[in-house]
Amino acid sequence: MYEAAIIDGASIWKRIYYIDIPSILPTAVILLILACGRVLSIGYEKVLLMQNNMNMQTSDIISTYVYRVGLVSMQYSYSTAIGLFQSVVSFILLVLVNRVSRKINETSLW
């Protein structure tokens, strides 16, 4: 495609716009969809290590709260419900972004 575009006299910007971007776009959309599914999953290890009694209220995230409630306070059912709720919200977000992507440019996970 590049050789044909060069022979036709397309500039570098036209080649980028008409060849590169359309060929990269489906991969970028799939990566965006997968990243939106992980938006609520934050690496809790660093936050957990930096927490103390002084900054607990401002630095608490869902993952550290689930850890504290489940393993420290031994409320297993409550922490499981919180983790399940986080997973359900992530799944709903994934499905919504997938539908929007399918309607906009017909690239989706399923």
N, C-alpha and C. Protein backbone atom coordinates (compact mmCIF):
# COMPACT_ATOMS: atom_id res chain seq x y z
N MET A 1 0.82 -1.18 0.00
CA MET A 1 0.00 0.00 0.00
C MET A 1 0.87 1.26 0.00
N TYR A 2 1.99 1.17 0.72
CA TYR A 2 2.89 2.33 0.76
C TYR A 2 3.47 2.61 -0.62
N GLU A 3 3.90 1.54 -1.31
CA GLU A 3 4.49 1.74 -2.63
C GLU A 3 3.47 2.30 -3.60
N ALA A 4 2.24 1.82 -3.52
CA ALA A 4 1.19 2.34 -4.40
C ALA A 4 0.90 3.80 -4.08
N ALA A 5 0.91 4.16 -2.81
CA ALA A 5 0.67 5.55 -2.43
C ALA A 5 1.81 6.45 -2.89
N ILE A 6 3.05 5.97 -2.80
CA ILE A 6 4.19 6.76 -3.26
C ILE A 6 4.11 6.96 -4.77
N ILE A 7 3.76 5.91 -5.49
CA ILE A 7 3.64 6.02 -6.96
C ILE A 7 2.52 6.98 -7.33
N ASP A 8 1.43 6.96 -6.54
CA ASP A 8 0.32 7.87 -6.82
C ASP A 8 0.63 9.31 -6.41
N GLY A 9 1.72 9.53 -5.69
CA GLY A 9 2.11 10.88 -5.33
C GLY A 9 1.60 11.35 -3.98
N ALA A 10 1.27 10.44 -3.10
CA ALA A 10 0.77 10.83 -1.78
C ALA A 10 1.93 11.32 -0.91
N SER A 11 1.70 12.39 -0.19
CA SER A 11 2.72 12.91 0.71
C SER A 11 2.79 12.03 1.96
N ILE A 12 3.76 12.32 2.82
CA ILE A 12 3.92 11.53 4.04
C ILE A 12 2.70 11.66 4.94
N TRP A 13 2.11 12.86 4.99
CA TRP A 13 0.93 13.07 5.84
C TRP A 13 -0.28 12.33 5.29
N LYS A 14 -0.42 12.28 4.00
CA LYS A 14 -1.54 11.52 3.40
C LYS A 14 -1.36 10.03 3.65
N ARG A 15 -0.11 9.54 3.58
CA ARG A 15 0.14 8.13 3.85
C ARG A 15 -0.17 7.78 5.30
N ILE A 16 0.19 8.68 6.21
CA ILE A 16 -0.12 8.44 7.62
C ILE A 16 -1.62 8.44 7.84
N TYR A 17 -2.31 9.41 7.25
CA TYR A 17 -3.75 9.55 7.47
C TYR A 17 -4.55 8.43 6.82
N TYR A 18 -4.18 8.01 5.61
CA TYR A 18 -4.99 7.04 4.88
C TYR A 18 -4.49 5.60 4.98
N ILE A 19 -3.25 5.38 5.44
CA ILE A 19 -2.74 4.00 5.51
C ILE A 19 -2.43 3.60 6.95
N ASP A 20 -1.62 4.41 7.64
CA ASP A 20 -1.16 4.01 8.98
C ASP A 20 -2.28 4.02 10.01
N ILE A 21 -2.99 5.12 10.10
CA ILE A 21 -4.04 5.24 11.13
C ILE A 21 -5.15 4.21 10.95
N PRO A 22 -5.69 4.00 9.74
CA PRO A 22 -6.72 2.95 9.62
C PRO A 22 -6.22 1.54 9.91
N SER A 23 -4.93 1.28 9.70
CA SER A 23 -4.43 -0.07 9.98
C SER A 23 -4.13 -0.27 11.46
N ILE A 24 -3.83 0.79 12.20
CA ILE A 24 -3.53 0.70 13.62
C ILE A 24 -4.79 0.83 14.48
N LEU A 25 -5.81 1.47 13.96
CA LEU A 25 -7.01 1.79 14.73
C LEU A 25 -7.70 0.59 15.39
N PRO A 26 -7.91 -0.54 14.73
CA PRO A 26 -8.57 -1.67 15.42
C PRO A 26 -7.79 -2.17 16.65
N THR A 27 -6.48 -2.22 16.54
CA THR A 27 -5.67 -2.65 17.69
C THR A 27 -5.76 -1.65 18.82
N ALA A 28 -5.73 -0.37 18.50
CA ALA A 28 -5.82 0.67 19.52
C ALA A 28 -7.18 0.63 20.21
N VAL A 29 -8.24 0.36 19.47
CA VAL A 29 -9.58 0.30 20.05
C VAL A 29 -9.71 -0.89 20.98
N ILE A 30 -9.17 -2.04 20.60
CA ILE A 30 -9.21 -3.22 21.46
C ILE A 30 -8.43 -2.96 22.75
N LEU A 31 -7.28 -2.32 22.65
CA LEU A 31 -6.51 -1.99 23.86
C LEU A 31 -7.25 -1.00 24.74
N LEU A 32 -7.96 -0.06 24.15
CA LEU A 32 -8.76 0.89 24.92
C LEU A 32 -9.90 0.19 25.65
N ILE A 33 -10.56 -0.73 24.99
CA ILE A 33 -11.66 -1.48 25.61
C ILE A 33 -11.14 -2.28 26.81
N LEU A 34 -10.02 -2.96 26.63
CA LEU A 34 -9.46 -3.76 27.72
C LEU A 34 -8.97 -2.88 28.87
N ALA A 35 -8.44 -1.71 28.57
CA ALA A 35 -7.99 -0.80 29.62
C ALA A 35 -9.16 -0.23 30.40
N CYS A 36 -10.29 -0.01 29.75
CA CYS A 36 -11.47 0.50 30.46
C CYS A 36 -12.04 -0.54 31.41
N GLY A 37 -11.84 -1.81 31.13
CA GLY A 37 -12.30 -2.86 32.04
C GLY A 37 -11.48 -2.94 33.30
N ARG A 38 -10.24 -2.44 33.26
CA ARG A 38 -9.37 -2.48 34.43
C ARG A 38 -9.28 -1.15 35.14
N VAL A 39 -10.17 -0.22 34.84
CA VAL A 39 -10.04 1.13 35.39
C VAL A 39 -10.24 1.16 36.91
N LEU A 40 -11.00 0.25 37.46
CA LEU A 40 -11.21 0.22 38.91
C LEU A 40 -10.17 -0.62 39.64
N SER A 41 -9.36 -1.35 38.92
CA SER A 41 -8.34 -2.19 39.54
C SER A 41 -7.04 -1.40 39.62
N ILE A 42 -6.75 -0.94 40.81
CA ILE A 42 -5.54 -0.17 41.05
C ILE A 42 -4.57 -1.07 41.80
N GLY A 43 -3.30 -0.95 41.51
CA GLY A 43 -2.31 -1.71 42.24
C GLY A 43 -2.30 -1.29 43.70
N TYR A 44 -2.90 -2.10 44.55
CA TYR A 44 -3.12 -1.71 45.93
C TYR A 44 -1.88 -1.92 46.81
N GLU A 45 -0.86 -2.61 46.32
CA GLU A 45 0.29 -2.92 47.16
C GLU A 45 1.00 -1.65 47.61
N LYS A 46 1.24 -0.74 46.70
CA LYS A 46 1.94 0.49 47.05
C LYS A 46 1.12 1.35 48.01
N VAL A 47 -0.18 1.41 47.76
CA VAL A 47 -1.05 2.19 48.64
C VAL A 47 -1.08 1.57 50.02
N LEU A 48 -1.17 0.25 50.08
CA LEU A 48 -1.22 -0.44 51.37
C LEU A 48 0.06 -0.24 52.17
N LEU A 49 1.20 -0.25 51.48
CA LEU A 49 2.47 -0.06 52.19
C LEU A 49 2.65 1.36 52.70
N MET A 50 2.06 2.34 52.02
CA MET A 50 2.23 3.73 52.42
C MET A 50 1.18 4.21 53.42
N GLN A 51 0.17 3.40 53.69
CA GLN A 51 -0.89 3.83 54.60
C GLN A 51 -0.44 3.77 56.05
N ASN A 52 -0.94 4.72 56.82
CA ASN A 52 -0.79 4.70 58.27
C ASN A 52 -2.04 5.33 58.86
N ASN A 53 -2.10 5.48 60.15
CA ASN A 53 -3.30 6.02 60.79
C ASN A 53 -3.55 7.48 60.43
N MET A 54 -2.51 8.20 60.08
CA MET A 54 -2.65 9.62 59.76
C MET A 54 -3.32 9.85 58.40
N ASN A 55 -3.03 9.02 57.42
CA ASN A 55 -3.56 9.24 56.07
C ASN A 55 -4.56 8.17 55.63
N MET A 56 -5.09 7.40 56.54
CA MET A 56 -6.00 6.30 56.19
C MET A 56 -7.27 6.78 55.50
N GLN A 57 -7.85 7.86 55.96
CA GLN A 57 -9.11 8.32 55.39
C GLN A 57 -8.95 8.87 53.97
N THR A 58 -7.82 9.47 53.67
CA THR A 58 -7.65 10.05 52.34
C THR A 58 -7.00 9.10 51.34
N SER A 59 -6.30 8.09 51.80
CA SER A 59 -5.60 7.20 50.88
C SER A 59 -6.28 5.85 50.71
N ASP A 60 -7.44 5.67 51.28
CA ASP A 60 -8.11 4.38 51.20
C ASP A 60 -8.75 4.21 49.83
N ILE A 61 -8.50 3.08 49.19
CA ILE A 61 -9.12 2.73 47.91
C ILE A 61 -9.91 1.44 48.12
N ILE A 62 -10.63 1.02 47.09
CA ILE A 62 -11.50 -0.15 47.23
C ILE A 62 -10.70 -1.39 47.60
N SER A 63 -9.56 -1.59 46.97
CA SER A 63 -8.77 -2.80 47.22
C SER A 63 -8.24 -2.86 48.65
N THR A 64 -7.75 -1.74 49.16
CA THR A 64 -7.25 -1.75 50.53
C THR A 64 -8.39 -1.87 51.54
N TYR A 65 -9.55 -1.30 51.19
CA TYR A 65 -10.71 -1.44 52.07
C TYR A 65 -11.17 -2.90 52.14
N VAL A 66 -11.17 -3.58 51.00
CA VAL A 66 -11.54 -4.99 50.97
C VAL A 66 -10.54 -5.80 51.80
N TYR A 67 -9.26 -5.48 51.68
CA TYR A 67 -8.25 -6.17 52.47
C TYR A 67 -8.48 -5.95 53.97
N ARG A 68 -8.70 -4.71 54.35
CA ARG A 68 -8.88 -4.39 55.76
C ARG A 68 -10.13 -5.05 56.34
N VAL A 69 -11.23 -4.98 55.59
CA VAL A 69 -12.48 -5.56 56.08
C VAL A 69 -12.41 -7.08 56.09
N GLY A 70 -11.85 -7.65 55.05
CA GLY A 70 -11.85 -9.10 54.93
C GLY A 70 -10.84 -9.81 55.79
N LEU A 71 -9.60 -9.39 55.73
CA LEU A 71 -8.56 -10.14 56.44
C LEU A 71 -8.27 -9.60 57.84
N VAL A 72 -8.37 -8.29 58.02
CA VAL A 72 -8.07 -7.74 59.33
C VAL A 72 -9.29 -7.85 60.25
N SER A 73 -10.47 -7.46 59.74
CA SER A 73 -11.68 -7.50 60.56
C SER A 73 -12.41 -8.84 60.48
N MET A 74 -12.00 -9.72 59.60
CA MET A 74 -12.57 -11.06 59.40
C MET A 74 -14.05 -11.04 59.05
N GLN A 75 -14.46 -10.08 58.25
CA GLN A 75 -15.82 -10.04 57.71
C GLN A 75 -15.76 -10.50 56.26
N TYR A 76 -15.65 -11.79 56.07
CA TYR A 76 -15.39 -12.36 54.75
C TYR A 76 -16.54 -12.13 53.77
N SER A 77 -17.77 -12.27 54.23
CA SER A 77 -18.90 -12.12 53.32
C SER A 77 -19.03 -10.67 52.85
N TYR A 78 -18.81 -9.72 53.73
CA TYR A 78 -18.91 -8.31 53.37
C TYR A 78 -17.80 -7.93 52.38
N SER A 79 -16.59 -8.39 52.62
CA SER A 79 -15.50 -8.06 51.70
C SER A 79 -15.69 -8.75 50.35
N THR A 80 -16.27 -9.94 50.36
CA THR A 80 -16.57 -10.62 49.10
C THR A 80 -17.62 -9.86 48.32
N ALA A 81 -18.63 -9.33 49.00
CA ALA A 81 -19.66 -8.54 48.33
C ALA A 81 -19.08 -7.26 47.74
N ILE A 82 -18.16 -6.62 48.44
CA ILE A 82 -17.53 -5.41 47.90
C ILE A 82 -16.70 -5.74 46.68
N GLY A 83 -15.92 -6.81 46.74
CA GLY A 83 -15.12 -7.22 45.58
C GLY A 83 -15.98 -7.62 44.40
N LEU A 84 -17.10 -8.30 44.67
CA LEU A 84 -18.02 -8.68 43.60
C LEU A 84 -18.65 -7.44 42.97
N PHE A 85 -19.02 -6.46 43.78
CA PHE A 85 -19.58 -5.22 43.25
C PHE A 85 -18.57 -4.51 42.36
N GLN A 86 -17.32 -4.48 42.76
CA GLN A 86 -16.29 -3.86 41.93
C GLN A 86 -16.15 -4.61 40.60
N SER A 87 -16.19 -5.92 40.63
CA SER A 87 -16.10 -6.70 39.40
C SER A 87 -17.30 -6.48 38.49
N VAL A 88 -18.49 -6.39 39.06
CA VAL A 88 -19.70 -6.16 38.27
C VAL A 88 -19.65 -4.78 37.61
N VAL A 89 -19.22 -3.77 38.34
CA VAL A 89 -19.12 -2.42 37.77
C VAL A 89 -18.08 -2.41 36.64
N SER A 90 -16.96 -3.10 36.82
CA SER A 90 -15.94 -3.18 35.77
C SER A 90 -16.48 -3.89 34.54
N PHE A 91 -17.25 -4.95 34.75
CA PHE A 91 -17.83 -5.68 33.62
C PHE A 91 -18.85 -4.83 32.87
N ILE A 92 -19.68 -4.11 33.59
CA ILE A 92 -20.67 -3.23 32.95
C ILE A 92 -19.96 -2.15 32.14
N LEU A 93 -18.91 -1.58 32.70
CA LEU A 93 -18.13 -0.58 31.98
C LEU A 93 -17.50 -1.16 30.72
N LEU A 94 -17.00 -2.38 30.82
CA LEU A 94 -16.42 -3.06 29.66
C LEU A 94 -17.45 -3.28 28.56
N VAL A 95 -18.63 -3.72 28.93
CA VAL A 95 -19.69 -3.97 27.95
C VAL A 95 -20.14 -2.65 27.29
N LEU A 96 -20.26 -1.59 28.08
CA LEU A 96 -20.68 -0.30 27.52
C LEU A 96 -19.65 0.25 26.54
N VAL A 97 -18.38 0.19 26.91
CA VAL A 97 -17.33 0.68 26.00
C VAL A 97 -17.27 -0.18 24.76
N ASN A 98 -17.49 -1.47 24.89
CA ASN A 98 -17.50 -2.35 23.73
C ASN A 98 -18.65 -2.01 22.78
N ARG A 99 -19.83 -1.74 23.32
CA ARG A 99 -20.97 -1.36 22.47
C ARG A 99 -20.75 -0.04 21.76
N VAL A 100 -20.21 0.94 22.49
CA VAL A 100 -19.92 2.23 21.86
C VAL A 100 -18.89 2.06 20.76
N SER A 101 -17.89 1.26 20.99
CA SER A 101 -16.87 1.02 19.98
C SER A 101 -17.44 0.32 18.75
N ARG A 102 -18.33 -0.64 18.97
CA ARG A 102 -18.94 -1.34 17.85
C ARG A 102 -19.81 -0.41 17.01
N LYS A 103 -20.50 0.54 17.66
CA LYS A 103 -21.36 1.47 16.91
C LYS A 103 -20.55 2.51 16.17
N ILE A 104 -19.42 2.92 16.74
CA ILE A 104 -18.64 3.99 16.12
C ILE A 104 -17.82 3.46 14.93
N ASN A 105 -17.05 2.41 15.12
CA ASN A 105 -16.20 1.97 14.02
C ASN A 105 -16.20 0.46 13.79
N GLU A 106 -17.18 -0.24 14.31
CA GLU A 106 -17.39 -1.66 14.07
C GLU A 106 -16.21 -2.53 14.49
N THR A 107 -15.47 -2.11 15.51
CA THR A 107 -14.42 -2.93 16.09
C THR A 107 -14.81 -3.20 17.53
N SER A 108 -14.88 -4.49 17.90
CA SER A 108 -15.26 -4.82 19.26
C SER A 108 -14.63 -6.14 19.66
N LEU A 109 -14.77 -6.48 20.94
CA LEU A 109 -14.23 -7.75 21.42
C LEU A 109 -15.08 -8.93 20.99
N TRP A 110 -16.39 -8.76 20.97
CA TRP A 110 -17.29 -9.84 20.55
C TRP A 110 -18.41 -9.31 19.73
